[in-house]
């Protein structure tokens, strides 16, 4: 099942969404509201944290999935 496209898509989506939510929560903790009016520094900072959280979590999930496939191939 590790090589199926379904598993790959599901883990990518969960990783990106989870990381984005963590970035959003971290931004809220720092007082950065992405839904505030205008494009102030706090809004841009919050958007950056959401993007970084989603991207880093997606890369972490892909590395984890790659390590699973490597373990399956080693005799």
C-alpha atoms as a PDB file:
ATOM      1  CA  UNK A   1       0.000   0.000   0.000  1.00  0.00           C
ATOM      2  CA  UNK A   2       2.942   2.367   0.522  1.00  0.00           C
ATOM      3  CA  UNK A   3       3.451   2.875  -3.208  1.00  0.00           C
ATOM      4  CA  UNK A   4      -0.171   3.610  -4.071  1.00  0.00           C
ATOM      5  CA  UNK A   5      -1.126   7.038  -5.336  1.00  0.00           C
ATOM      6  CA  UNK A   6      -3.976   7.149  -2.842  1.00  0.00           C
ATOM      7  CA  UNK A   7      -1.594   6.811   0.103  1.00  0.00           C
ATOM      8  CA  UNK A   8       0.731   9.411  -1.392  1.00  0.00           C
ATOM      9  CA  UNK A   9      -2.041  11.933  -1.976  1.00  0.00           C
ATOM     10  CA  UNK A  10      -3.602  11.396   1.427  1.00  0.00           C
ATOM     11  CA  UNK A  11      -0.330  11.773   3.316  1.00  0.00           C
ATOM     12  CA  UNK A  12       0.602  14.879   1.298  1.00  0.00           C
ATOM     13  CA  UNK A  13      -2.756  16.474   2.072  1.00  0.00           C
ATOM     14  CA  UNK A  14      -2.643  15.622   5.774  1.00  0.00           C
ATOM     15  CA  UNK A  15       0.936  16.851   6.071  1.00  0.00           C
ATOM     16  CA  UNK A  16       0.297  20.134   4.292  1.00  0.00           C
ATOM     17  CA  UNK A  17      -2.943  20.839   6.140  1.00  0.00           C
ATOM     18  CA  UNK A  18      -1.484  19.910   9.518  1.00  0.00           C
ATOM     19  CA  UNK A  19       1.593  22.046   8.966  1.00  0.00           C
ATOM     20  CA  UNK A  20      -0.488  24.980   7.790  1.00  0.00           C
ATOM     21  CA  UNK A  21      -2.656  24.743  10.895  1.00  0.00           C
ATOM     22  CA  UNK A  22       0.441  24.601  13.084  1.00  0.00           C
ATOM     23  CA  UNK A  23       1.815  27.682  11.325  1.00  0.00           C
ATOM     24  CA  UNK A  24      -1.499  29.448  11.785  1.00  0.00           C
ATOM     25  CA  UNK A  25      -1.544  28.549  15.485  1.00  0.00           C
ATOM     26  CA  UNK A  26       2.008  29.766  15.919  1.00  0.00           C
ATOM     27  CA  UNK A  27       1.071  33.014  14.208  1.00  0.00           C
ATOM     28  CA  UNK A  28      -1.901  33.437  16.534  1.00  0.00           C
ATOM     29  CA  UNK A  29       0.394  32.809  19.488  1.00  0.00           C
ATOM     30  CA  UNK A  30       2.661  35.624  18.275  1.00  0.00           C
ATOM     31  CA  UNK A  31      -0.317  37.906  17.578  1.00  0.00           C
ATOM     32  CA  UNK A  32      -0.150  37.655  13.782  1.00  0.00           C
ATOM     33  CA  UNK A  33      -3.667  37.538  12.320  1.00  0.00           C
ATOM     34  CA  UNK A  34      -3.863  36.553   8.654  1.00  0.00           C
ATOM     35  CA  UNK A  35      -7.523  37.600   8.469  1.00  0.00           C
ATOM     36  CA  UNK A  36      -6.939  41.192   9.576  1.00  0.00           C
ATOM     37  CA  UNK A  37      -7.836  43.964   7.123  1.00  0.00           C
ATOM     38  CA  UNK A  38      -5.189  45.203   4.725  1.00  0.00           C
ATOM     39  CA  UNK A  39      -1.658  43.962   4.212  1.00  0.00           C
ATOM     40  CA  UNK A  40       0.135  45.044   7.361  1.00  0.00           C
ATOM     41  CA  UNK A  41       3.358  43.438   8.555  1.00  0.00           C
ATOM     42  CA  UNK A  42       1.459  41.207  10.979  1.00  0.00           C
ATOM     43  CA  UNK A  43      -0.765  39.893   8.185  1.00  0.00           C
ATOM     44  CA  UNK A  44       2.200  39.170   5.906  1.00  0.00           C
ATOM     45  CA  UNK A  45       4.089  37.525   8.787  1.00  0.00           C
ATOM     46  CA  UNK A  46       1.103  35.295   9.526  1.00  0.00           C
ATOM     47  CA  UNK A  47       0.779  34.303   5.871  1.00  0.00           C
ATOM     48  CA  UNK A  48       4.496  33.475   5.763  1.00  0.00           C
ATOM     49  CA  UNK A  49       4.176  31.264   8.861  1.00  0.00           C
ATOM     50  CA  UNK A  50       1.220  29.392   7.341  1.00  0.00           C
ATOM     51  CA  UNK A  51       3.149  28.836   4.107  1.00  0.00           C
ATOM     52  CA  UNK A  52       6.325  27.744   5.869  1.00  0.00           C
ATOM     53  CA  UNK A  53       4.417  25.403   8.161  1.00  0.00           C
ATOM     54  CA  UNK A  54       2.605  23.757   5.265  1.00  0.00           C
ATOM     55  CA  UNK A  55       5.710  23.449   3.096  1.00  0.00           C
ATOM     56  CA  UNK A  56       7.975  22.114   5.840  1.00  0.00           C
ATOM     57  CA  UNK A  57       5.391  19.586   6.998  1.00  0.00           C
ATOM     58  CA  UNK A  58       4.820  18.441   3.411  1.00  0.00           C
ATOM     59  CA  UNK A  59       8.560  17.881   2.951  1.00  0.00           C
ATOM     60  CA  UNK A  60       8.741  16.011   6.272  1.00  0.00           C
ATOM     61  CA  UNK A  61       5.901  13.710   5.217  1.00  0.00           C
ATOM     62  CA  UNK A  62       7.562  13.042   1.873  1.00  0.00           C
ATOM     63  CA  UNK A  63      10.857  12.169   3.577  1.00  0.00           C
ATOM     64  CA  UNK A  64       8.981   9.874   5.989  1.00  0.00           C
ATOM     65  CA  UNK A  65       7.180   8.177   3.081  1.00  0.00           C
ATOM     66  CA  UNK A  66      10.490   7.761   1.226  1.00  0.00           C
ATOM     67  CA  UNK A  67      12.046   6.130   4.286  1.00  0.00           C
ATOM     68  CA  UNK A  68       9.154   3.669   4.382  1.00  0.00           C
ATOM     69  CA  UNK A  69       9.714   2.704   0.742  1.00  0.00           C
ATOM     70  CA  UNK A  70      13.465   2.291   1.308  1.00  0.00           C
ATOM     71  CA  UNK A  71      12.832  -0.011   4.293  1.00  0.00           C
ATOM     72  CA  UNK A  72      10.487  -2.110   2.142  1.00  0.00           C
ATOM     73  CA  UNK A  73      13.140  -2.581  -0.562  1.00  0.00           C
ATOM     74  CA  UNK A  74      16.048  -3.567   1.695  1.00  0.00           C
ATOM     75  CA  UNK A  75      16.227  -7.362   2.129  1.00  0.00           C
END
